[in-house]
Structures are given as structure tokens and as C-alpha cells.
Amino acid sequence: MSAVEDLRKTIAALRAPGGCPWDQEQTHATLTRCLIDEVSELLDTIDRLDKPHMREELGDVLMQVIFHAQLAEEDGHFNLEDVAREANDKLVRRHPHVFGTGDKLGTAEDVIVKWEQIKAQEKKNGPVQAGVFKDLPPRLPALMFAETVWKQIEKKNLPVDGVVDVAQVRALGAQLDTAMLGRMLFELTAAARAKGLDPEGALRLHATQVMRDVEARVPASTA
């Protein structure tokens, strides 16, 4: 028996009659904070290149994945095997240059282009996309949310005149390096704290407003 199967059986036992009262009370919704916390702790070990603790935190994230799969299995929706099978099928399908008859790709950039082409052809699960912006996870951190909005604006060459000062963005970008970016973000965050402002909320609201303003400029027929 594999260690992953051992872990799955342990979680199933915790959920079963006679198991742990806390584990038995959990739902997908109640576990969301746990998942966020565990991923955050994993990211911390990655930033510190702390491999021993990284192994532990990867285990905690895996525990969350298996727990959610266990809940779904109990409700008759899917199980851990289904999750792994779908993930594996997706990787194989999106790497025809490795597992299929597709042409060999020479650079990481070529791989990303091919990945996006294949992804666009696949049937999308979940809510139907509306508008010119790709649907984004509603709990995406504000900084990642803003970055993804700008990435889509550049990728689709969307009109932003009067919405975003592109010249200022490019001029500022030309001066930045990782150290300067970190310092500026930290100082802005500290300044917001001193002023009693919420930097996370402010960035999310502004990025959302940029999306709305850009959407309003794009004809419905091209959305």
C-alpha cells in the first residue's frame, strides 16, 4: 500500500463513525481557510528554500486535497482517483510535444503558447465566461488579480487609453528590479497602514474598476 493510500484511509477513518468529532463536522466551506493557511505556509518554505519544512508543508497541502476528495466521495460526486486521473489526463493532453505526435517545442515560451491553444479548445467547466476578461478566481489575492488583469489587457491588446497611463507603466517598469519593487510595495503598504487604508481592498477595487472601464470600451460583438 502506498503512503498516499495510507493517508487517504486515515482521513476516511477520521470521518467515519467513531472517528474524530472535529473532522466529522468539516465541510468544503469550513476547510477553505485551512487550505489557504496551508498553502501560505508552503509558500513561506519555498521563499526560504527550506526543503525539510517544505516537505512537511507539501504534506499538509496534500492532506487538504485528500480531505476535500473524501468529502466529495462521501457525497457520491468523485473520489481521489478521479481527481488524479483528470489531472494526469490534462497534463498528457496539453503536452502533445511530449506524449503525442505534436511537433517538438524548443522553448518554454513555445510551450506556453501551445498550452493556451489547447486549453482554448477544451470544454470549460464552471460558469460561462462573460465579457472580454477571462474568469478569475474570486478569492485571488489582489496583487495577483491586478497582475492577471493587466496580463489579459496586454495579451488581447484591449483599449486602455484614459483608464491606465501606459506610458507611466512602461517608464516605471524600465526602472524596476526585484529589490526596488519589493521596497516600493512594502512602503506603499506601510503608508496605507499609517493612513488607515486597506491596500488589499484598494488594489482589488481599482483592478475591478479597470476591468469594467475596459469592458465598456469593447463592442459587445467582440467580447
C-alpha atoms as a PDB file:
ATOM      1  CA  MET A   1       0.000   0.000   0.000  1.00  0.00           C
ATOM      2  CA  SER A   2       1.342   3.444  -0.921  1.00  0.00           C
ATOM      3  CA  ALA A   3       1.830   6.245   1.577  1.00  0.00           C
ATOM      4  CA  VAL A   4      -0.803   8.303  -0.270  1.00  0.00           C
ATOM      5  CA  GLU A   5      -3.319   5.474   0.135  1.00  0.00           C
ATOM      6  CA  ASP A   6      -2.400   5.230   3.835  1.00  0.00           C
ATOM      7  CA  LEU A   7      -3.140   8.946   4.206  1.00  0.00           C
ATOM      8  CA  ARG A   8      -6.442   8.594   2.359  1.00  0.00           C
ATOM      9  CA  LYS A   9      -7.518   5.748   4.665  1.00  0.00           C
ATOM     10  CA  THR A  10      -6.510   7.720   7.762  1.00  0.00           C
ATOM     11  CA  ILE A  11      -8.659  10.683   6.712  1.00  0.00           C
ATOM     12  CA  ALA A  12     -11.547   8.346   5.875  1.00  0.00           C
ATOM     13  CA  ALA A  13     -11.235   6.801   9.342  1.00  0.00           C
ATOM     14  CA  LEU A  14     -11.276  10.229  10.981  1.00  0.00           C
ATOM     15  CA  ARG A  15     -14.511  10.988   9.135  1.00  0.00           C
ATOM     16  CA  ALA A  16     -16.133   7.618   9.866  1.00  0.00           C
ATOM     17  CA  PRO A  17     -18.390   6.798  12.864  1.00  0.00           C
ATOM     18  CA  GLY A  18     -16.217   6.566  15.940  1.00  0.00           C
ATOM     19  CA  GLY A  19     -13.667   8.910  14.380  1.00  0.00           C
ATOM     20  CA  CYS A  20     -12.731  12.487  15.274  1.00  0.00           C
ATOM     21  CA  PRO A  21     -15.628  14.858  16.129  1.00  0.00           C
ATOM     22  CA  TRP A  22     -13.811  17.840  14.580  1.00  0.00           C
ATOM     23  CA  ASP A  23     -13.060  16.073  11.300  1.00  0.00           C
ATOM     24  CA  GLN A  24     -16.623  14.760  11.131  1.00  0.00           C
ATOM     25  CA  GLU A  25     -18.025  18.307  11.288  1.00  0.00           C
ATOM     26  CA  GLN A  26     -15.957  19.690   8.415  1.00  0.00           C
ATOM     27  CA  THR A  27     -17.340  20.682   5.015  1.00  0.00           C
ATOM     28  CA  HIS A  28     -15.751  22.019   1.827  1.00  0.00           C
ATOM     29  CA  ALA A  29     -16.651  25.529   3.015  1.00  0.00           C
ATOM     30  CA  THR A  30     -15.252  25.181   6.547  1.00  0.00           C
ATOM     31  CA  LEU A  31     -11.954  23.861   5.181  1.00  0.00           C
ATOM     32  CA  THR A  32     -11.279  26.778   2.843  1.00  0.00           C
ATOM     33  CA  ARG A  33      -9.396  28.790   5.474  1.00  0.00           C
ATOM     34  CA  CYS A  34      -7.327  25.716   6.332  1.00  0.00           C
ATOM     35  CA  LEU A  35      -6.372  25.332   2.673  1.00  0.00           C
ATOM     36  CA  ILE A  36      -5.368  28.987   2.375  1.00  0.00           C
ATOM     37  CA  ASP A  37      -3.300  28.779   5.558  1.00  0.00           C
ATOM     38  CA  GLU A  38      -1.515  25.599   4.452  1.00  0.00           C
ATOM     39  CA  VAL A  39      -0.697  26.999   1.002  1.00  0.00           C
ATOM     40  CA  SER A  40       0.602  30.198   2.621  1.00  0.00           C
ATOM     41  CA  GLU A  41       2.875  28.188   4.915  1.00  0.00           C
ATOM     42  CA  LEU A  42       4.128  26.192   1.921  1.00  0.00           C
ATOM     43  CA  LEU A  43       4.905  29.420   0.052  1.00  0.00           C
ATOM     44  CA  ASP A  44       6.919  30.606   3.045  1.00  0.00           C
ATOM     45  CA  THR A  45       9.123  27.497   2.935  1.00  0.00           C
ATOM     46  CA  ILE A  46       9.624  27.965  -0.806  1.00  0.00           C
ATOM     47  CA  ASP A  47      10.672  31.593  -0.323  1.00  0.00           C
ATOM     48  CA  ARG A  48      13.192  30.442   2.324  1.00  0.00           C
ATOM     49  CA  LEU A  49      14.320  27.386   0.287  1.00  0.00           C
ATOM     50  CA  ASP A  50      13.668  25.398   3.475  1.00  0.00           C
ATOM     51  CA  LYS A  51      13.461  21.914   1.956  1.00  0.00           C
ATOM     52  CA  PRO A  52      12.869  19.891   5.164  1.00  0.00           C
ATOM     53  CA  HIS A  53       9.923  22.078   6.149  1.00  0.00           C
ATOM     54  CA  MET A  54       8.793  22.287   2.517  1.00  0.00           C
ATOM     55  CA  ARG A  55       8.254  18.530   2.584  1.00  0.00           C
ATOM     56  CA  GLU A  56       6.113  18.890   5.694  1.00  0.00           C
ATOM     57  CA  GLU A  57       4.050  21.747   4.254  1.00  0.00           C
ATOM     58  CA  LEU A  58       3.542  19.901   0.952  1.00  0.00           C
ATOM     59  CA  GLY A  59       2.139  17.079   3.075  1.00  0.00           C
ATOM     60  CA  ASP A  60      -0.275  19.490   4.763  1.00  0.00           C
ATOM     61  CA  VAL A  61      -1.487  20.754   1.370  1.00  0.00           C
ATOM     62  CA  LEU A  62      -1.840  17.164   0.139  1.00  0.00           C
ATOM     63  CA  MET A  63      -3.854  16.407   3.279  1.00  0.00           C
ATOM     64  CA  GLN A  64      -6.271  19.179   2.330  1.00  0.00           C
ATOM     65  CA  VAL A  65      -6.639  17.841  -1.219  1.00  0.00           C
ATOM     66  CA  ILE A  66      -7.369  14.342   0.050  1.00  0.00           C
ATOM     67  CA  PHE A  67      -9.795  15.684   2.671  1.00  0.00           C
ATOM     68  CA  HIS A  68     -11.817  17.516   0.002  1.00  0.00           C
ATOM     69  CA  ALA A  69     -11.790  14.416  -2.204  1.00  0.00           C
ATOM     70  CA  GLN A  70     -13.012  12.352   0.761  1.00  0.00           C
ATOM     71  CA  LEU A  71     -15.913  14.744   1.343  1.00  0.00           C
ATOM     72  CA  ALA A  72     -16.845  14.558  -2.334  1.00  0.00           C
ATOM     73  CA  GLU A  73     -16.667  10.764  -2.296  1.00  0.00           C
ATOM     74  CA  GLU A  74     -18.959  10.589   0.721  1.00  0.00           C
ATOM     75  CA  ASP A  75     -21.499  12.694  -1.193  1.00  0.00           C
ATOM     76  CA  GLY A  76     -21.187  10.458  -4.260  1.00  0.00           C
ATOM     77  CA  HIS A  77     -19.583  13.057  -6.546  1.00  0.00           C
ATOM     78  CA  PHE A  78     -15.994  11.885  -7.164  1.00  0.00           C
ATOM     79  CA  ASN A  79     -13.028  10.391  -5.342  1.00  0.00           C
ATOM     80  CA  LEU A  80      -9.263  10.899  -5.119  1.00  0.00           C
ATOM     81  CA  GLU A  81      -8.653   8.565  -8.069  1.00  0.00           C
ATOM     82  CA  ASP A  82     -10.955  10.712 -10.210  1.00  0.00           C
ATOM     83  CA  VAL A  83      -9.056  13.843  -9.194  1.00  0.00           C
ATOM     84  CA  ALA A  84      -5.668  12.296 -10.029  1.00  0.00           C
ATOM     85  CA  ARG A  85      -6.947  10.797 -13.296  1.00  0.00           C
ATOM     86  CA  GLU A  86      -8.346  14.109 -14.511  1.00  0.00           C
ATOM     87  CA  ALA A  87      -5.135  15.941 -13.604  1.00  0.00           C
ATOM     88  CA  ASN A  88      -2.998  13.344 -15.379  1.00  0.00           C
ATOM     89  CA  ASP A  89      -5.217  13.336 -18.474  1.00  0.00           C
ATOM     90  CA  LYS A  90      -4.978  17.120 -18.643  1.00  0.00           C
ATOM     91  CA  LEU A  91      -1.172  17.090 -18.431  1.00  0.00           C
ATOM     92  CA  VAL A  92      -0.883  14.478 -21.167  1.00  0.00           C
ATOM     93  CA  ARG A  93      -3.422  16.242 -23.384  1.00  0.00           C
ATOM     94  CA  ARG A  94      -1.703  19.604 -23.058  1.00  0.00           C
ATOM     95  CA  HIS A  95       1.770  18.212 -23.774  1.00  0.00           C
ATOM     96  CA  PRO A  96       1.403  16.626 -27.229  1.00  0.00           C
ATOM     97  CA  HIS A  97       5.045  17.539 -27.898  1.00  0.00           C
ATOM     98  CA  VAL A  98       5.993  15.036 -25.175  1.00  0.00           C
ATOM     99  CA  PHE A  99       3.259  12.393 -25.124  1.00  0.00           C
ATOM    100  CA  GLY A 100       1.740  12.682 -28.610  1.00  0.00           C
ATOM    101  CA  THR A 101       2.582  13.253 -32.228  1.00  0.00           C
ATOM    102  CA  GLY A 102       2.909  17.016 -31.947  1.00  0.00           C
ATOM    103  CA  ASP A 103       5.982  18.882 -33.110  1.00  0.00           C
ATOM    104  CA  LYS A 104       8.785  19.241 -30.572  1.00  0.00           C
ATOM    105  CA  LEU A 105       8.854  22.636 -28.877  1.00  0.00           C
ATOM    106  CA  GLY A 106      12.192  24.284 -28.276  1.00  0.00           C
ATOM    107  CA  THR A 107      11.470  26.931 -25.631  1.00  0.00           C
ATOM    108  CA  ALA A 108       9.299  27.466 -22.577  1.00  0.00           C
ATOM    109  CA  GLU A 109       7.586  30.316 -24.433  1.00  0.00           C
ATOM    110  CA  ASP A 110       6.587  27.920 -27.232  1.00  0.00           C
ATOM    111  CA  VAL A 111       5.161  25.541 -24.636  1.00  0.00           C
ATOM    112  CA  ILE A 112       3.037  28.308 -23.058  1.00  0.00           C
ATOM    113  CA  VAL A 113       1.627  29.308 -26.455  1.00  0.00           C
ATOM    114  CA  LYS A 114       0.739  25.688 -27.270  1.00  0.00           C
ATOM    115  CA  TRP A 115      -0.730  25.160 -23.783  1.00  0.00           C
ATOM    116  CA  GLU A 116      -3.048  28.158 -24.227  1.00  0.00           C
ATOM    117  CA  GLN A 117      -4.097  26.978 -27.706  1.00  0.00           C
ATOM    118  CA  ILE A 118      -5.058  23.534 -26.410  1.00  0.00           C
ATOM    119  CA  LYS A 119      -6.725  24.996 -23.321  1.00  0.00           C
ATOM    120  CA  ALA A 120      -8.884  27.252 -25.513  1.00  0.00           C
ATOM    121  CA  GLN A 121     -10.170  24.210 -27.413  1.00  0.00           C
ATOM    122  CA  GLU A 122     -11.179  22.285 -24.288  1.00  0.00           C
ATOM    123  CA  LYS A 123     -14.678  22.244 -22.862  1.00  0.00           C
ATOM    124  CA  LYS A 124     -14.775  24.668 -19.964  1.00  0.00           C
ATOM    125  CA  ASN A 125     -16.212  23.552 -16.642  1.00  0.00           C
ATOM    126  CA  GLY A 126     -17.919  26.004 -14.302  1.00  0.00           C
ATOM    127  CA  PRO A 127     -19.654  29.323 -15.036  1.00  0.00           C
ATOM    128  CA  VAL A 128     -19.760  30.503 -18.647  1.00  0.00           C
ATOM    129  CA  GLN A 129     -17.338  33.354 -19.267  1.00  0.00           C
ATOM    130  CA  ALA A 130     -18.939  36.727 -19.957  1.00  0.00           C
ATOM    131  CA  GLY A 131     -17.075  39.727 -21.372  1.00  0.00           C
ATOM    132  CA  VAL A 132     -13.557  40.109 -22.686  1.00  0.00           C
ATOM    133  CA  PHE A 133     -11.740  39.153 -19.488  1.00  0.00           C
ATOM    134  CA  LYS A 134     -11.108  35.533 -18.573  1.00  0.00           C
ATOM    135  CA  ASP A 135     -12.983  34.482 -15.462  1.00  0.00           C
ATOM    136  CA  LEU A 136     -10.723  34.902 -12.432  1.00  0.00           C
ATOM    137  CA  PRO A 137     -10.925  33.097  -9.094  1.00  0.00           C
ATOM    138  CA  PRO A 138     -12.922  35.396  -6.767  1.00  0.00           C
ATOM    139  CA  ARG A 139     -10.507  34.743  -3.882  1.00  0.00           C
ATOM    140  CA  LEU A 140      -7.363  35.522  -5.892  1.00  0.00           C
ATOM    141  CA  PRO A 141      -5.123  37.865  -3.830  1.00  0.00           C
ATOM    142  CA  ALA A 142      -5.414  41.456  -5.014  1.00  0.00           C
ATOM    143  CA  LEU A 143      -1.837  41.672  -6.293  1.00  0.00           C
ATOM    144  CA  MET A 144      -2.200  38.518  -8.377  1.00  0.00           C
ATOM    145  CA  PHE A 145      -5.647  39.702  -9.503  1.00  0.00           C
ATOM    146  CA  ALA A 146      -4.270  43.053 -10.717  1.00  0.00           C
ATOM    147  CA  GLU A 147      -1.333  41.338 -12.437  1.00  0.00           C
ATOM    148  CA  THR A 148      -3.687  38.950 -14.260  1.00  0.00           C
ATOM    149  CA  VAL A 149      -5.985  41.795 -15.362  1.00  0.00           C
ATOM    150  CA  TRP A 150      -3.012  43.628 -16.881  1.00  0.00           C
ATOM    151  CA  LYS A 151      -1.726  40.433 -18.483  1.00  0.00           C
ATOM    152  CA  GLN A 152      -5.059  39.967 -20.251  1.00  0.00           C
ATOM    153  CA  ILE A 153      -5.129  43.611 -21.338  1.00  0.00           C
ATOM    154  CA  GLU A 154      -1.704  43.168 -22.969  1.00  0.00           C
ATOM    155  CA  LYS A 155      -2.483  39.739 -24.411  1.00  0.00           C
ATOM    156  CA  LYS A 156      -5.738  40.881 -26.060  1.00  0.00           C
ATOM    157  CA  ASN A 157      -4.483  44.385 -26.847  1.00  0.00           C
ATOM    158  CA  LEU A 158      -7.517  45.886 -25.125  1.00  0.00           C
ATOM    159  CA  PRO A 159      -8.117  49.665 -25.226  1.00  0.00           C
ATOM    160  CA  VAL A 160      -6.957  51.350 -22.013  1.00  0.00           C
ATOM    161  CA  ASP A 161      -6.446  55.000 -23.050  1.00  0.00           C
ATOM    162  CA  GLY A 162      -7.813  57.163 -20.287  1.00  0.00           C
ATOM    163  CA  VAL A 163      -8.069  54.148 -17.979  1.00  0.00           C
ATOM    164  CA  VAL A 164      -4.401  53.252 -17.451  1.00  0.00           C
ATOM    165  CA  ASP A 165      -1.408  55.519 -18.043  1.00  0.00           C
ATOM    166  CA  VAL A 166       0.507  53.069 -20.240  1.00  0.00           C
ATOM    167  CA  ALA A 167       3.450  55.441 -20.744  1.00  0.00           C
ATOM    168  CA  GLN A 168       3.853  55.740 -16.976  1.00  0.00           C
ATOM    169  CA  VAL A 169       3.606  51.964 -16.560  1.00  0.00           C
ATOM    170  CA  ARG A 170       6.356  51.396 -19.126  1.00  0.00           C
ATOM    171  CA  ALA A 171       8.585  54.138 -17.746  1.00  0.00           C
ATOM    172  CA  LEU A 172       8.258  52.780 -14.232  1.00  0.00           C
ATOM    173  CA  GLY A 173       8.804  49.210 -15.412  1.00  0.00           C
ATOM    174  CA  ALA A 174      12.054  50.169 -17.105  1.00  0.00           C
ATOM    175  CA  GLN A 175      13.468  51.300 -13.747  1.00  0.00           C
ATOM    176  CA  LEU A 176      12.357  48.343 -11.638  1.00  0.00           C
ATOM    177  CA  ASP A 177      14.232  45.344 -10.366  1.00  0.00           C
ATOM    178  CA  THR A 178      13.097  42.813  -7.763  1.00  0.00           C
ATOM    179  CA  ALA A 179      14.646  44.662  -4.819  1.00  0.00           C
ATOM    180  CA  MET A 180      13.188  48.028  -5.798  1.00  0.00           C
ATOM    181  CA  LEU A 181       9.774  46.515  -6.479  1.00  0.00           C
ATOM    182  CA  GLY A 182       9.713  44.833  -3.071  1.00  0.00           C
ATOM    183  CA  ARG A 183      10.757  48.051  -1.325  1.00  0.00           C
ATOM    184  CA  MET A 184       8.149  50.159  -3.136  1.00  0.00           C
ATOM    185  CA  LEU A 185       5.343  47.692  -2.462  1.00  0.00           C
ATOM    186  CA  PHE A 186       6.330  47.462   1.193  1.00  0.00           C
ATOM    187  CA  GLU A 187       6.492  51.254   1.587  1.00  0.00           C
ATOM    188  CA  LEU A 188       3.102  51.694  -0.110  1.00  0.00           C
ATOM    189  CA  THR A 189       1.619  49.062   2.182  1.00  0.00           C
ATOM    190  CA  ALA A 190       3.150  50.717   5.246  1.00  0.00           C
ATOM    191  CA  ALA A 191       1.904  54.135   4.127  1.00  0.00           C
ATOM    192  CA  ALA A 192      -1.596  52.742   3.641  1.00  0.00           C
ATOM    193  CA  ARG A 193      -1.469  51.246   7.135  1.00  0.00           C
ATOM    194  CA  ALA A 194      -0.376  54.606   8.580  1.00  0.00           C
ATOM    195  CA  LYS A 195      -3.271  56.316   6.801  1.00  0.00           C
ATOM    196  CA  GLY A 196      -5.773  53.712   7.938  1.00  0.00           C
ATOM    197  CA  LEU A 197      -6.347  52.420   4.405  1.00  0.00           C
ATOM    198  CA  ASP A 198      -6.725  48.831   3.215  1.00  0.00           C
ATOM    199  CA  PRO A 199      -4.143  48.242   0.444  1.00  0.00           C
ATOM    200  CA  GLU A 200      -5.557  44.814  -0.460  1.00  0.00           C
ATOM    201  CA  GLY A 201      -9.058  46.178  -0.822  1.00  0.00           C
ATOM    202  CA  ALA A 202      -7.931  49.331  -2.627  1.00  0.00           C
ATOM    203  CA  LEU A 203      -5.994  47.369  -5.244  1.00  0.00           C
ATOM    204  CA  ARG A 204      -8.832  44.909  -5.765  1.00  0.00           C
ATOM    205  CA  LEU A 205     -11.356  47.726  -6.206  1.00  0.00           C
ATOM    206  CA  HIS A 206      -9.118  49.590  -8.650  1.00  0.00           C
ATOM    207  CA  ALA A 207      -8.309  46.473 -10.706  1.00  0.00           C
ATOM    208  CA  THR A 208     -12.017  45.655 -10.842  1.00  0.00           C
ATOM    209  CA  GLN A 209     -12.800  49.211 -11.987  1.00  0.00           C
ATOM    210  CA  VAL A 210     -10.144  48.919 -14.713  1.00  0.00           C
ATOM    211  CA  MET A 211     -11.848  45.735 -15.926  1.00  0.00           C
ATOM    212  CA  ARG A 212     -15.250  47.453 -16.003  1.00  0.00           C
ATOM    213  CA  ASP A 213     -13.940  50.534 -17.817  1.00  0.00           C
ATOM    214  CA  VAL A 214     -12.153  48.407 -20.420  1.00  0.00           C
ATOM    215  CA  GLU A 215     -15.212  46.173 -20.852  1.00  0.00           C
ATOM    216  CA  ALA A 216     -17.291  49.279 -21.563  1.00  0.00           C
ATOM    217  CA  ARG A 217     -14.959  50.239 -24.408  1.00  0.00           C
ATOM    218  CA  VAL A 218     -15.124  46.893 -26.191  1.00  0.00           C
ATOM    219  CA  PRO A 219     -18.086  46.326 -28.549  1.00  0.00           C
ATOM    220  CA  ALA A 220     -20.344  43.512 -27.402  1.00  0.00           C
ATOM    221  CA  SER A 221     -19.832  41.685 -30.712  1.00  0.00           C
ATOM    222  CA  THR A 222     -16.099  41.291 -29.990  1.00  0.00           C
ATOM    223  CA  ALA A 223     -16.416  40.373 -26.307  1.00  0.00           C
END
